[in-house]
Amino acid sequence: MTRKSKERQELADTPLPLEVRIAVLPCRGGEVLLRRLFEPLGYEVMATRHPLDEQFPEWGESPYFTVTLKATVRLSDLLTHLYVLVPVLDDDKHYWVGTRK
C-alpha cells in the first residue's frame, strides 16, 4: 500500500485492470451506499444481497452482500480504498470511547 517498489516501481505506478470479490460483506446502507462509496472512485459495482435464511424467505433480507468491484487502478489504490471503506459499510463503531473522568 506504500506505492513503493525497490525493483519494479514502474509496475507499482501502473493502473491495472483489477477485480476483487468479497463473498460476505456487511452493508447496512444497502446497495445504494456501496455505489455511493465506490462508483465515484471509478469502480463498477456488482452486489447480490443475501437472505436472512434461504429456507424462510418471509424473514426478509440480511444486511450482507456478495460484492464484486472492477476498475483499472493501481493495486495500492485498490487496497487503500478497501482498507478505508470496508469498515464504513457495517455502520458499527470500530473504536471504543470511554467515560470521561
Protein backbone atom coordinates (compact mmCIF):
# COMPACT_ATOMS: atom_id res chain seq x y z
CA MET A 1 0.00 0.00 0.00
CA THR A 2 3.03 2.28 0.18
CA ARG A 3 3.23 2.63 -3.64
CA LYS A 4 6.95 1.87 -3.45
CA SER A 5 8.88 -0.97 -5.08
CA LYS A 6 12.63 -1.42 -4.90
CA GLU A 7 12.78 -3.38 -8.12
CA ARG A 8 9.70 -2.50 -10.23
CA GLN A 9 8.46 0.98 -9.41
CA GLU A 10 7.01 1.43 -12.91
CA LEU A 11 4.74 -1.56 -12.29
CA ALA A 12 3.64 -0.18 -8.90
CA ASP A 13 2.72 3.09 -10.64
CA THR A 14 0.78 1.41 -13.46
CA PRO A 15 -3.01 1.16 -13.34
CA LEU A 16 -4.07 -2.44 -13.97
CA PRO A 17 -7.47 -3.97 -14.77
CA LEU A 18 -8.35 -5.44 -11.37
CA GLU A 19 -11.35 -7.25 -9.94
CA VAL A 20 -11.99 -8.04 -6.30
CA ARG A 21 -14.79 -10.23 -4.98
CA ILE A 22 -15.84 -10.15 -1.34
CA ALA A 23 -18.08 -13.14 -0.60
CA VAL A 24 -19.79 -11.77 2.52
CA LEU A 25 -19.72 -8.07 3.30
CA PRO A 26 -21.97 -6.29 5.81
CA CYS A 27 -23.57 -3.17 4.36
CA ARG A 28 -26.36 -1.74 6.44
CA GLY A 29 -26.81 1.10 3.97
CA GLY A 30 -27.59 -1.38 1.18
CA GLU A 31 -26.52 -1.33 -2.43
CA VAL A 32 -27.11 2.42 -2.61
CA LEU A 33 -24.33 3.03 -0.07
CA LEU A 34 -22.00 0.61 -1.85
CA ARG A 35 -22.46 2.51 -5.09
CA ARG A 36 -22.13 5.94 -3.43
CA LEU A 37 -18.78 4.93 -1.94
CA PHE A 38 -17.15 3.05 -4.81
CA GLU A 39 -18.58 4.37 -8.10
CA PRO A 40 -17.14 7.90 -7.72
CA LEU A 41 -13.73 6.23 -7.36
CA GLY A 42 -14.18 4.60 -10.78
CA TYR A 43 -15.35 1.13 -9.75
CA GLU A 44 -18.01 -0.94 -11.46
CA VAL A 45 -20.07 -2.34 -8.57
CA MET A 46 -21.98 -5.62 -8.63
CA ALA A 47 -23.81 -6.56 -5.44
CA THR A 48 -26.02 -9.50 -4.51
CA ARG A 49 -27.87 -9.36 -1.23
CA HIS A 50 -28.08 -12.47 0.95
CA PRO A 51 -31.37 -13.59 2.54
CA LEU A 52 -31.54 -13.99 6.31
CA ASP A 53 -32.39 -17.65 5.77
CA GLU A 54 -32.96 -19.31 2.40
CA GLN A 55 -35.45 -21.74 3.95
CA PHE A 56 -37.57 -18.88 5.31
CA PRO A 57 -37.75 -16.15 2.62
CA GLU A 58 -40.54 -14.41 4.56
CA TRP A 59 -37.86 -13.36 7.09
CA GLY A 60 -36.53 -10.93 4.50
CA GLU A 61 -33.04 -9.97 3.51
CA SER A 62 -29.91 -9.72 5.59
CA PRO A 63 -27.50 -6.76 5.67
CA TYR A 64 -24.89 -8.97 3.93
CA PHE A 65 -23.87 -8.80 0.27
CA THR A 66 -21.54 -10.54 -2.12
CA VAL A 67 -19.72 -7.66 -3.79
CA THR A 68 -17.56 -7.53 -6.90
CA LEU A 69 -15.60 -4.39 -7.73
CA LYS A 70 -13.91 -3.85 -11.10
CA ALA A 71 -11.68 -0.99 -12.15
CA THR A 72 -8.43 -0.12 -13.85
CA VAL A 73 -6.46 1.27 -10.91
CA ARG A 74 -3.12 0.92 -9.18
CA LEU A 75 -3.08 -2.01 -6.80
CA SER A 76 -2.10 0.26 -3.92
CA ASP A 77 -5.16 2.45 -4.56
CA LEU A 78 -7.48 -0.57 -4.59
CA LEU A 79 -6.06 -1.86 -1.33
CA THR A 80 -6.29 1.57 0.29
CA HIS A 81 -9.92 2.00 -0.81
CA LEU A 82 -10.83 -1.37 0.68
CA TYR A 83 -8.89 -0.69 3.89
CA VAL A 84 -10.67 2.62 4.44
CA LEU A 85 -14.18 1.93 3.11
CA VAL A 86 -14.99 -1.65 4.16
CA PRO A 87 -15.24 -0.72 7.88
CA VAL A 88 -17.64 2.11 6.94
CA LEU A 89 -20.10 -0.34 5.39
CA ASP A 90 -21.22 -2.19 8.51
CA ASP A 91 -22.21 1.06 10.24
CA ASP A 92 -20.68 -0.05 13.51
CA LYS A 93 -18.10 1.81 15.57
CA HIS A 94 -14.63 0.32 15.33
CA TYR A 95 -13.27 2.13 18.34
CA TRP A 96 -14.07 2.39 21.99
CA VAL A 97 -14.93 5.64 23.72
CA GLY A 98 -14.59 5.56 27.49
CA THR A 99 -16.33 7.67 30.07
CA ARG A 100 -14.75 10.96 30.91
CA LYS A 101 -13.21 11.26 34.36
